[in-house]
Amino acid sequence: MKALTLALGFGLALTAAFAGAAENLPQPARVWADRPAGSVAAVKLAALRYAAFWNSGDPRYAELALDPDFIDRTLPAGRQQGVAGPLQASRQFRAAVPDLKVDVTDMVLAGDRVALRLHFQGHFSGRFGDVQGQGQPVEFQAFDLYRVKNGRIAENWHLEDNLTLMQQLGVVKP
């Protein structure tokens, strides 16, 4: 019983400590919603937690944002389906661009959906495949559409400006 109490106490302390990180959630520049702010709070929080994951690389944000049965509806070749996919993608991309940051430019909340226009930037100072970065800046746009269920992202459709990114990385010639 004592071990269970200690485990529960540790879990609650960890949850409380991480809840303080809510101040680190990226804030959208513009938000549109089809109903009052309070009724879209869970949908918005899930989207901002997922943006915080891409902004920081901290897997705890992804675990809080994504439903355990998360489905990527535009799954790139070679990426795992489910929560493991974004975790894998973040690790690989942060190996190339360790200082990756994301700004949420626009957020549209409608029903159980949230659409985001994202602006990514950082410096290519690591490796991407066979290419070694020289610290050059990278900057690209992305669009995400999420379906949120029970306060977590259940499905994701996404488009990234990969041509611009690959040109900046030197993998594709302009």
N, C-alpha and C. Protein backbone atom coordinates (compact mmCIF):
# COMPACT_ATOMS: atom_id res chain seq x y z
N MET A 1 0.82 -1.19 0.00
CA MET A 1 0.00 0.00 0.00
C MET A 1 0.87 1.26 0.00
N LYS A 2 1.94 1.21 0.82
CA LYS A 2 2.84 2.35 0.88
C LYS A 2 3.49 2.62 -0.47
N ALA A 3 3.88 1.56 -1.20
CA ALA A 3 4.48 1.72 -2.53
C ALA A 3 3.49 2.35 -3.50
N LEU A 4 2.22 1.91 -3.41
CA LEU A 4 1.18 2.48 -4.28
C LEU A 4 0.98 3.95 -3.97
N THR A 5 0.95 4.30 -2.69
CA THR A 5 0.79 5.70 -2.28
C THR A 5 1.96 6.53 -2.79
N LEU A 6 3.18 6.01 -2.66
CA LEU A 6 4.35 6.73 -3.15
C LEU A 6 4.29 6.89 -4.67
N ALA A 7 3.91 5.83 -5.38
CA ALA A 7 3.82 5.89 -6.84
C ALA A 7 2.77 6.90 -7.27
N LEU A 8 1.60 6.86 -6.62
CA LEU A 8 0.55 7.82 -6.96
C LEU A 8 1.00 9.24 -6.64
N GLY A 9 1.65 9.42 -5.51
CA GLY A 9 2.14 10.74 -5.13
C GLY A 9 3.17 11.26 -6.12
N PHE A 10 4.07 10.38 -6.56
CA PHE A 10 5.08 10.76 -7.55
C PHE A 10 4.41 11.13 -8.87
N GLY A 11 3.44 10.32 -9.29
CA GLY A 11 2.71 10.60 -10.54
C GLY A 11 1.99 11.92 -10.48
N LEU A 12 1.35 12.20 -9.34
CA LEU A 12 0.64 13.48 -9.19
C LEU A 12 1.63 14.64 -9.17
N ALA A 13 2.76 14.45 -8.51
CA ALA A 13 3.77 15.51 -8.49
C ALA A 13 4.32 15.77 -9.88
N LEU A 14 4.56 14.69 -10.64
CA LEU A 14 5.06 14.84 -12.00
C LEU A 14 4.03 15.54 -12.87
N THR A 15 2.76 15.16 -12.73
CA THR A 15 1.69 15.81 -13.49
C THR A 15 1.60 17.28 -13.12
N ALA A 16 1.66 17.59 -11.84
CA ALA A 16 1.59 18.98 -11.40
C ALA A 16 2.78 19.78 -11.91
N ALA A 17 3.96 19.18 -11.86
CA ALA A 17 5.16 19.88 -12.35
C ALA A 17 5.05 20.16 -13.84
N PHE A 18 4.53 19.17 -14.59
CA PHE A 18 4.41 19.37 -16.03
C PHE A 18 3.29 20.33 -16.37
N ALA A 19 2.25 20.37 -15.54
CA ALA A 19 1.14 21.30 -15.80
C ALA A 19 1.64 22.74 -15.79
N GLY A 20 2.67 23.02 -15.02
CA GLY A 20 3.24 24.36 -15.01
C GLY A 20 3.88 24.73 -16.33
N ALA A 21 4.18 23.72 -17.15
CA ALA A 21 4.78 23.98 -18.46
C ALA A 21 3.77 24.54 -19.44
N ALA A 22 2.48 24.61 -19.03
CA ALA A 22 1.44 25.13 -19.92
C ALA A 22 1.78 26.54 -20.38
N GLU A 23 2.52 27.29 -19.58
CA GLU A 23 2.92 28.64 -19.99
C GLU A 23 3.84 28.59 -21.21
N ASN A 24 4.43 27.44 -21.51
CA ASN A 24 5.34 27.31 -22.64
C ASN A 24 4.62 26.92 -23.93
N LEU A 25 3.31 26.81 -23.90
CA LEU A 25 2.59 26.47 -25.11
C LEU A 25 2.65 27.63 -26.09
N PRO A 26 2.95 27.33 -27.36
CA PRO A 26 2.94 28.42 -28.35
C PRO A 26 1.54 29.03 -28.41
N GLN A 27 1.48 30.32 -28.59
CA GLN A 27 0.19 31.00 -28.69
C GLN A 27 -0.05 31.43 -30.12
N PRO A 28 -1.22 31.11 -30.65
CA PRO A 28 -1.50 31.47 -32.05
C PRO A 28 -1.59 32.97 -32.23
N ALA A 29 -1.12 33.44 -33.38
CA ALA A 29 -1.22 34.86 -33.70
C ALA A 29 -2.67 35.26 -33.92
N ARG A 30 -3.45 34.37 -34.57
CA ARG A 30 -4.87 34.63 -34.85
C ARG A 30 -5.66 33.37 -34.61
N VAL A 31 -6.86 33.52 -34.00
CA VAL A 31 -7.74 32.39 -33.72
C VAL A 31 -9.14 32.73 -34.18
N TRP A 32 -9.76 31.77 -34.87
CA TRP A 32 -11.18 31.88 -35.24
C TRP A 32 -11.86 30.64 -34.68
N ALA A 33 -13.05 30.83 -34.09
CA ALA A 33 -13.80 29.70 -33.53
C ALA A 33 -15.27 29.83 -33.87
N ASP A 34 -15.92 28.68 -34.03
CA ASP A 34 -17.34 28.68 -34.37
C ASP A 34 -18.25 28.76 -33.15
N ARG A 35 -17.67 28.85 -31.94
CA ARG A 35 -18.46 28.97 -30.71
C ARG A 35 -17.59 29.60 -29.63
N PRO A 36 -18.13 29.92 -28.45
CA PRO A 36 -17.36 30.61 -27.40
C PRO A 36 -16.10 29.85 -26.98
N ALA A 37 -15.13 30.61 -26.51
CA ALA A 37 -13.81 30.06 -26.18
C ALA A 37 -13.87 28.88 -25.22
N GLY A 38 -14.71 28.92 -24.20
CA GLY A 38 -14.78 27.84 -23.22
C GLY A 38 -15.17 26.51 -23.82
N SER A 39 -16.02 26.53 -24.82
CA SER A 39 -16.50 25.28 -25.40
C SER A 39 -15.50 24.68 -26.39
N VAL A 40 -14.49 25.40 -26.78
CA VAL A 40 -13.45 24.87 -27.68
C VAL A 40 -12.13 24.68 -26.95
N ALA A 41 -12.13 24.85 -25.63
CA ALA A 41 -10.89 24.83 -24.86
C ALA A 41 -10.12 23.52 -25.01
N ALA A 42 -10.79 22.36 -24.94
CA ALA A 42 -10.09 21.08 -25.03
C ALA A 42 -9.49 20.85 -26.42
N VAL A 43 -10.21 21.28 -27.45
CA VAL A 43 -9.71 21.13 -28.83
C VAL A 43 -8.49 22.02 -29.01
N LYS A 44 -8.58 23.25 -28.53
CA LYS A 44 -7.46 24.20 -28.65
C LYS A 44 -6.25 23.71 -27.86
N LEU A 45 -6.48 23.21 -26.64
CA LEU A 45 -5.37 22.74 -25.81
C LEU A 45 -4.63 21.58 -26.46
N ALA A 46 -5.37 20.64 -27.04
CA ALA A 46 -4.72 19.51 -27.72
C ALA A 46 -3.83 20.01 -28.85
N ALA A 47 -4.34 20.95 -29.65
CA ALA A 47 -3.56 21.49 -30.77
C ALA A 47 -2.32 22.24 -30.28
N LEU A 48 -2.46 23.02 -29.21
CA LEU A 48 -1.32 23.78 -28.70
C LEU A 48 -0.28 22.87 -28.05
N ARG A 49 -0.73 21.81 -27.42
CA ARG A 49 0.23 20.84 -26.87
C ARG A 49 1.02 20.17 -27.99
N TYR A 50 0.35 19.86 -29.09
CA TYR A 50 1.05 19.24 -30.22
C TYR A 50 2.03 20.23 -30.84
N ALA A 51 1.64 21.50 -30.93
CA ALA A 51 2.57 22.53 -31.42
C ALA A 51 3.76 22.66 -30.47
N ALA A 52 3.51 22.57 -29.17
CA ALA A 52 4.60 22.64 -28.19
C ALA A 52 5.56 21.46 -28.36
N PHE A 53 5.02 20.30 -28.73
CA PHE A 53 5.89 19.15 -29.01
C PHE A 53 6.83 19.45 -30.17
N TRP A 54 6.28 19.98 -31.27
CA TRP A 54 7.15 20.30 -32.43
C TRP A 54 8.09 21.44 -32.10
N ASN A 55 7.66 22.34 -31.23
CA ASN A 55 8.49 23.49 -30.85
C ASN A 55 9.66 23.09 -29.96
N SER A 56 9.45 22.08 -29.12
CA SER A 56 10.45 21.73 -28.12
C SER A 56 11.11 20.36 -28.35
N GLY A 57 10.40 19.46 -29.03
CA GLY A 57 10.88 18.09 -29.16
C GLY A 57 10.59 17.25 -27.93
N ASP A 58 9.93 17.82 -26.92
CA ASP A 58 9.63 17.11 -25.68
C ASP A 58 8.50 16.12 -25.91
N PRO A 59 8.77 14.81 -25.82
CA PRO A 59 7.74 13.81 -26.11
C PRO A 59 6.55 13.85 -25.16
N ARG A 60 6.71 14.44 -23.97
CA ARG A 60 5.57 14.51 -23.04
C ARG A 60 4.43 15.31 -23.65
N TYR A 61 4.75 16.36 -24.43
CA TYR A 61 3.69 17.13 -25.07
C TYR A 61 2.92 16.27 -26.08
N ALA A 62 3.63 15.46 -26.85
CA ALA A 62 2.97 14.58 -27.83
C ALA A 62 2.09 13.57 -27.11
N GLU A 63 2.58 13.02 -26.02
CA GLU A 63 1.81 12.04 -25.27
C GLU A 63 0.55 12.64 -24.68
N LEU A 64 0.60 13.92 -24.28
CA LEU A 64 -0.59 14.61 -23.77
C LEU A 64 -1.55 14.99 -24.89
N ALA A 65 -1.01 15.30 -26.06
CA ALA A 65 -1.82 15.82 -27.17
C ALA A 65 -2.48 14.73 -27.99
N LEU A 66 -1.82 13.59 -28.14
CA LEU A 66 -2.26 12.57 -29.09
C LEU A 66 -3.02 11.44 -28.40
N ASP A 67 -4.12 11.05 -29.02
CA ASP A 67 -4.90 9.91 -28.56
C ASP A 67 -4.04 8.65 -28.68
N PRO A 68 -4.16 7.69 -27.76
CA PRO A 68 -3.37 6.46 -27.88
C PRO A 68 -3.59 5.73 -29.22
N ASP A 69 -4.75 5.92 -29.84
CA ASP A 69 -5.05 5.30 -31.14
C ASP A 69 -4.89 6.30 -32.29
N PHE A 70 -4.04 7.30 -32.12
CA PHE A 70 -3.80 8.35 -33.11
C PHE A 70 -3.50 7.76 -34.49
N ILE A 71 -4.11 8.38 -35.52
CA ILE A 71 -3.89 7.96 -36.91
C ILE A 71 -3.42 9.16 -37.72
N ASP A 72 -2.29 9.00 -38.40
CA ASP A 72 -1.79 10.01 -39.33
C ASP A 72 -2.36 9.66 -40.70
N ARG A 73 -3.28 10.47 -41.21
CA ARG A 73 -3.97 10.18 -42.47
C ARG A 73 -3.14 10.55 -43.70
N THR A 74 -2.00 11.23 -43.49
CA THR A 74 -1.09 11.55 -44.60
C THR A 74 0.32 11.08 -44.22
N LEU A 75 0.39 9.83 -43.83
CA LEU A 75 1.62 9.23 -43.32
C LEU A 75 2.71 9.19 -44.40
N PRO A 76 3.84 9.88 -44.16
CA PRO A 76 4.95 9.82 -45.12
C PRO A 76 5.57 8.42 -45.16
N ALA A 77 6.14 8.07 -46.29
CA ALA A 77 6.83 6.78 -46.43
C ALA A 77 7.92 6.67 -45.37
N GLY A 78 8.01 5.50 -44.76
CA GLY A 78 9.05 5.24 -43.77
C GLY A 78 8.71 5.67 -42.36
N ARG A 79 7.60 6.36 -42.16
CA ARG A 79 7.21 6.79 -40.81
C ARG A 79 6.24 5.78 -40.22
N GLN A 80 6.40 5.51 -38.93
CA GLN A 80 5.52 4.59 -38.22
C GLN A 80 4.14 5.24 -38.04
N GLN A 81 3.11 4.42 -38.07
CA GLN A 81 1.77 4.90 -37.78
C GLN A 81 1.62 5.02 -36.27
N GLY A 82 0.69 5.86 -35.82
CA GLY A 82 0.42 6.02 -34.40
C GLY A 82 1.30 7.08 -33.76
N VAL A 83 1.27 7.11 -32.44
CA VAL A 83 2.03 8.11 -31.67
C VAL A 83 3.53 7.98 -31.94
N ALA A 84 3.99 6.78 -32.21
CA ALA A 84 5.43 6.56 -32.47
C ALA A 84 5.92 7.34 -33.69
N GLY A 85 5.04 7.58 -34.67
CA GLY A 85 5.44 8.28 -35.89
C GLY A 85 5.94 9.69 -35.66
N PRO A 86 5.14 10.55 -35.01
CA PRO A 86 5.63 11.91 -34.74
C PRO A 86 6.87 11.92 -33.83
N LEU A 87 6.95 11.00 -32.88
CA LEU A 87 8.13 10.94 -32.02
C LEU A 87 9.37 10.63 -32.86
N GLN A 88 9.24 9.67 -33.77
CA GLN A 88 10.34 9.31 -34.68
C GLN A 88 10.70 10.50 -35.57
N ALA A 89 9.71 11.15 -36.16
CA ALA A 89 9.94 12.28 -37.07
C ALA A 89 10.65 13.43 -36.35
N SER A 90 10.23 13.72 -35.14
CA SER A 90 10.84 14.81 -34.37
C SER A 90 12.31 14.49 -34.07
N ARG A 91 12.59 13.28 -33.62
CA ARG A 91 13.99 12.91 -33.33
C ARG A 91 14.86 13.06 -34.58
N GLN A 92 14.37 12.56 -35.71
CA GLN A 92 15.15 12.62 -36.94
C GLN A 92 15.35 14.06 -37.41
N PHE A 93 14.30 14.87 -37.36
CA PHE A 93 14.43 16.23 -37.84
C PHE A 93 15.27 17.08 -36.89
N ARG A 94 15.15 16.84 -35.60
CA ARG A 94 15.96 17.60 -34.63
C ARG A 94 17.43 17.21 -34.70
N ALA A 95 17.75 16.04 -35.23
CA ALA A 95 19.15 15.69 -35.46
C ALA A 95 19.75 16.60 -36.52
N ALA A 96 18.92 17.08 -37.46
CA ALA A 96 19.38 18.00 -38.51
C ALA A 96 19.23 19.45 -38.10
N VAL A 97 18.12 19.77 -37.44
CA VAL A 97 17.81 21.16 -37.05
C VAL A 97 17.50 21.17 -35.54
N PRO A 98 18.55 21.17 -34.70
CA PRO A 98 18.34 21.05 -33.26
C PRO A 98 17.58 22.21 -32.63
N ASP A 99 17.63 23.38 -33.23
CA ASP A 99 16.96 24.55 -32.65
C ASP A 99 15.61 24.84 -33.31
N LEU A 100 14.99 23.81 -33.87
CA LEU A 100 13.70 23.97 -34.55
C LEU A 100 12.67 24.63 -33.65
N LYS A 101 11.98 25.63 -34.17
CA LYS A 101 10.90 26.33 -33.47
C LYS A 101 9.72 26.42 -34.41
N VAL A 102 8.52 26.47 -33.83
CA VAL A 102 7.30 26.62 -34.63
C VAL A 102 6.45 27.72 -34.04
N ASP A 103 5.90 28.53 -34.92
CA ASP A 103 4.91 29.54 -34.55
C ASP A 103 3.58 29.11 -35.15
N VAL A 104 2.52 29.26 -34.37
CA VAL A 104 1.17 29.00 -34.86
C VAL A 104 0.66 30.33 -35.41
N THR A 105 0.63 30.43 -36.73
CA THR A 105 0.24 31.68 -37.38
C THR A 105 -1.27 31.86 -37.34
N ASP A 106 -2.01 30.80 -37.69
CA ASP A 106 -3.47 30.84 -37.69
C ASP A 106 -4.02 29.56 -37.10
N MET A 107 -5.13 29.69 -36.35
CA MET A 107 -5.83 28.55 -35.79
C MET A 107 -7.31 28.74 -36.03
N VAL A 108 -7.95 27.73 -36.60
CA VAL A 108 -9.39 27.77 -36.85
C VAL A 108 -10.00 26.57 -36.13
N LEU A 109 -10.94 26.85 -35.22
CA LEU A 109 -11.59 25.81 -34.43
C LEU A 109 -13.04 25.71 -34.87
N ALA A 110 -13.45 24.49 -35.26
CA ALA A 110 -14.83 24.25 -35.70
C ALA A 110 -15.23 22.84 -35.29
N GLY A 111 -16.18 22.74 -34.38
CA GLY A 111 -16.61 21.43 -33.91
C GLY A 111 -15.45 20.68 -33.28
N ASP A 112 -15.23 19.44 -33.74
CA ASP A 112 -14.12 18.64 -33.20
C ASP A 112 -12.85 18.77 -34.04
N ARG A 113 -12.81 19.80 -34.92
CA ARG A 113 -11.67 20.00 -35.82
C ARG A 113 -10.91 21.27 -35.46
N VAL A 114 -9.63 21.23 -35.72
CA VAL A 114 -8.80 22.42 -35.61
C VAL A 114 -7.82 22.41 -36.78
N ALA A 115 -7.74 23.55 -37.46
CA ALA A 115 -6.82 23.73 -38.57
C ALA A 115 -5.75 24.73 -38.14
N LEU A 116 -4.52 24.43 -38.46
CA LEU A 116 -3.40 25.30 -38.08
C LEU A 116 -2.55 25.62 -39.30
N ARG A 117 -2.12 26.88 -39.37
CA ARG A 117 -1.06 27.25 -40.31
C ARG A 117 0.16 27.48 -39.45
N LEU A 118 1.22 26.74 -39.75
CA LEU A 118 2.43 26.73 -38.92
C LEU A 118 3.62 27.29 -39.68
N HIS A 119 4.50 27.95 -38.95
CA HIS A 119 5.72 28.51 -39.52
C HIS A 119 6.90 27.92 -38.73
N PHE A 120 7.69 27.08 -39.39
CA PHE A 120 8.85 26.44 -38.77
C PHE A 120 10.12 27.19 -39.15
N GLN A 121 11.06 27.27 -38.21
CA GLN A 121 12.36 27.86 -38.51
C GLN A 121 13.42 27.32 -37.56
N GLY A 122 14.64 27.38 -38.02
CA GLY A 122 15.78 26.92 -37.24
C GLY A 122 17.03 27.00 -38.09
N HIS A 123 18.07 26.27 -37.68
CA HIS A 123 19.34 26.27 -38.39
C HIS A 123 19.79 24.84 -38.64
N PHE A 124 20.16 24.55 -39.85
CA PHE A 124 20.62 23.23 -40.24
C PHE A 124 22.07 23.09 -39.81
N SER A 125 22.27 22.58 -38.61
CA SER A 125 23.62 22.43 -38.07
C SER A 125 23.97 20.97 -37.81
N GLY A 126 23.03 20.06 -38.03
CA GLY A 126 23.28 18.63 -37.85
C GLY A 126 23.37 17.93 -39.19
N ARG A 127 22.94 16.67 -39.20
CA ARG A 127 22.98 15.86 -40.42
C ARG A 127 21.57 15.52 -40.86
N PHE A 128 21.38 15.53 -42.19
CA PHE A 128 20.15 15.05 -42.80
C PHE A 128 20.57 14.07 -43.88
N GLY A 129 20.40 12.77 -43.61
CA GLY A 129 20.90 11.75 -44.53
C GLY A 129 22.41 11.86 -44.66
N ASP A 130 22.89 12.08 -45.89
CA ASP A 130 24.32 12.20 -46.15
C ASP A 130 24.81 13.64 -46.12
N VAL A 131 23.92 14.58 -45.85
CA VAL A 131 24.26 16.01 -45.92
C VAL A 131 24.52 16.56 -44.52
N GLN A 132 25.65 17.21 -44.36
CA GLN A 132 26.00 17.87 -43.10
C GLN A 132 25.66 19.35 -43.23
N GLY A 133 24.88 19.85 -42.28
CA GLY A 133 24.52 21.27 -42.28
C GLY A 133 25.70 22.15 -41.92
N GLN A 134 25.62 23.40 -42.35
CA GLN A 134 26.66 24.39 -42.06
C GLN A 134 26.10 25.53 -41.20
N GLY A 135 24.96 25.28 -40.56
CA GLY A 135 24.35 26.31 -39.73
C GLY A 135 23.42 27.24 -40.50
N GLN A 136 23.14 26.90 -41.78
CA GLN A 136 22.28 27.77 -42.58
C GLN A 136 20.84 27.77 -42.04
N PRO A 137 20.16 28.92 -42.16
CA PRO A 137 18.78 28.98 -41.69
C PRO A 137 17.85 28.15 -42.56
N VAL A 138 16.85 27.57 -41.93
CA VAL A 138 15.76 26.89 -42.63
C VAL A 138 14.45 27.51 -42.14
N GLU A 139 13.52 27.62 -43.08
CA GLU A 139 12.23 28.24 -42.76
C GLU A 139 11.22 27.69 -43.75
N PHE A 140 10.12 27.15 -43.24
CA PHE A 140 9.09 26.60 -44.13
C PHE A 140 7.73 26.65 -43.43
N GLN A 141 6.70 26.49 -44.23
CA GLN A 141 5.32 26.55 -43.76
C GLN A 141 4.72 25.15 -43.75
N ALA A 142 3.70 24.96 -42.93
CA ALA A 142 2.96 23.71 -42.91
C ALA A 142 1.51 24.01 -42.58
N PHE A 143 0.64 23.08 -42.93
CA PHE A 143 -0.78 23.17 -42.63
C PHE A 143 -1.20 21.84 -42.02
N ASP A 144 -1.88 21.89 -40.88
CA ASP A 144 -2.37 20.68 -40.22
C ASP A 144 -3.87 20.80 -39.98
N LEU A 145 -4.54 19.67 -40.08
CA LEU A 145 -5.95 19.56 -39.73
C LEU A 145 -6.07 18.39 -38.77
N TYR A 146 -6.64 18.63 -37.59
CA TYR A 146 -6.78 17.59 -36.57
C TYR A 146 -8.26 17.33 -36.30
N ARG A 147 -8.57 16.08 -35.98
CA ARG A 147 -9.85 15.73 -35.38
C ARG A 147 -9.55 15.36 -33.94
N VAL A 148 -10.22 16.05 -33.02
CA VAL A 148 -9.97 15.86 -31.60
C VAL A 148 -11.11 15.05 -30.98
N LYS A 149 -10.73 14.05 -30.18
CA LYS A 149 -11.70 13.20 -29.49
C LYS A 149 -11.28 13.11 -28.03
N ASN A 150 -12.19 13.43 -27.14
CA ASN A 150 -11.91 13.37 -25.69
C ASN A 150 -10.66 14.17 -25.31
N GLY A 151 -10.49 15.33 -25.94
CA GLY A 151 -9.39 16.22 -25.59
C GLY A 151 -8.04 15.85 -26.16
N ARG A 152 -8.00 14.88 -27.09
CA ARG A 152 -6.74 14.47 -27.71
C ARG A 152 -6.92 14.35 -29.22
N ILE A 153 -5.84 14.55 -29.93
CA ILE A 153 -5.88 14.47 -31.39
C ILE A 153 -5.97 12.99 -31.79
N ALA A 154 -7.07 12.66 -32.47
CA ALA A 154 -7.30 11.28 -32.90
C ALA A 154 -6.83 11.05 -34.33
N GLU A 155 -6.94 12.10 -35.17
CA GLU A 155 -6.53 12.01 -36.57
C GLU A 155 -5.84 13.30 -36.98
N ASN A 156 -4.91 13.17 -37.93
CA ASN A 156 -4.16 14.32 -38.43
C ASN A 156 -3.99 14.19 -39.94
N TRP A 157 -4.25 15.30 -40.63
CA TRP A 157 -3.93 15.45 -42.05
C TRP A 157 -2.97 16.62 -42.13
N HIS A 158 -1.84 16.49 -42.84
CA HIS A 158 -0.85 17.57 -42.85
C HIS A 158 -0.18 17.70 -44.21
N LEU A 159 0.20 18.94 -44.48
CA LEU A 159 0.97 19.27 -45.69
C LEU A 159 2.11 20.18 -45.26
N GLU A 160 3.32 19.85 -45.69
CA GLU A 160 4.48 20.69 -45.41
C GLU A 160 5.07 21.16 -46.73
N ASP A 161 5.70 22.32 -46.71
CA ASP A 161 6.40 22.82 -47.89
C ASP A 161 7.78 22.15 -47.94
N ASN A 162 7.76 20.86 -48.26
CA ASN A 162 9.00 20.08 -48.27
C ASN A 162 9.98 20.49 -49.37
N LEU A 163 9.48 21.01 -50.49
CA LEU A 163 10.40 21.44 -51.55
C LEU A 163 11.28 22.57 -51.04
N THR A 164 10.68 23.58 -50.43
CA THR A 164 11.46 24.68 -49.87
C THR A 164 12.45 24.17 -48.83
N LEU A 165 11.99 23.29 -47.95
CA LEU A 165 12.86 22.74 -46.92
C LEU A 165 14.03 21.98 -47.53
N MET A 166 13.76 21.10 -48.48
CA MET A 166 14.83 20.30 -49.10
C MET A 166 15.83 21.18 -49.84
N GLN A 167 15.36 22.27 -50.45
CA GLN A 167 16.27 23.21 -51.11
C GLN A 167 17.16 23.89 -50.07
N GLN A 168 16.60 24.28 -48.95
CA GLN A 168 17.38 24.95 -47.91
C GLN A 168 18.39 23.99 -47.28
N LEU A 169 18.03 22.71 -47.19
CA LEU A 169 18.96 21.72 -46.65
C LEU A 169 20.05 21.35 -47.65
N GLY A 170 19.87 21.74 -48.91
CA GLY A 170 20.84 21.41 -49.96
C GLY A 170 20.65 20.02 -50.54
N VAL A 171 19.53 19.38 -50.25
CA VAL A 171 19.25 18.04 -50.75
C VAL A 171 18.69 18.12 -52.17
N VAL A 172 17.97 19.19 -52.48
CA VAL A 172 17.39 19.44 -53.82
C VAL A 172 17.90 20.79 -54.28
N LYS A 173 18.33 20.85 -55.53
CA LYS A 173 18.82 22.13 -56.09
C LYS A 173 17.63 22.97 -56.53
N PRO A 174 17.69 24.30 -56.26
CA PRO A 174 16.59 25.19 -56.68
C PRO A 174 16.49 25.30 -58.20
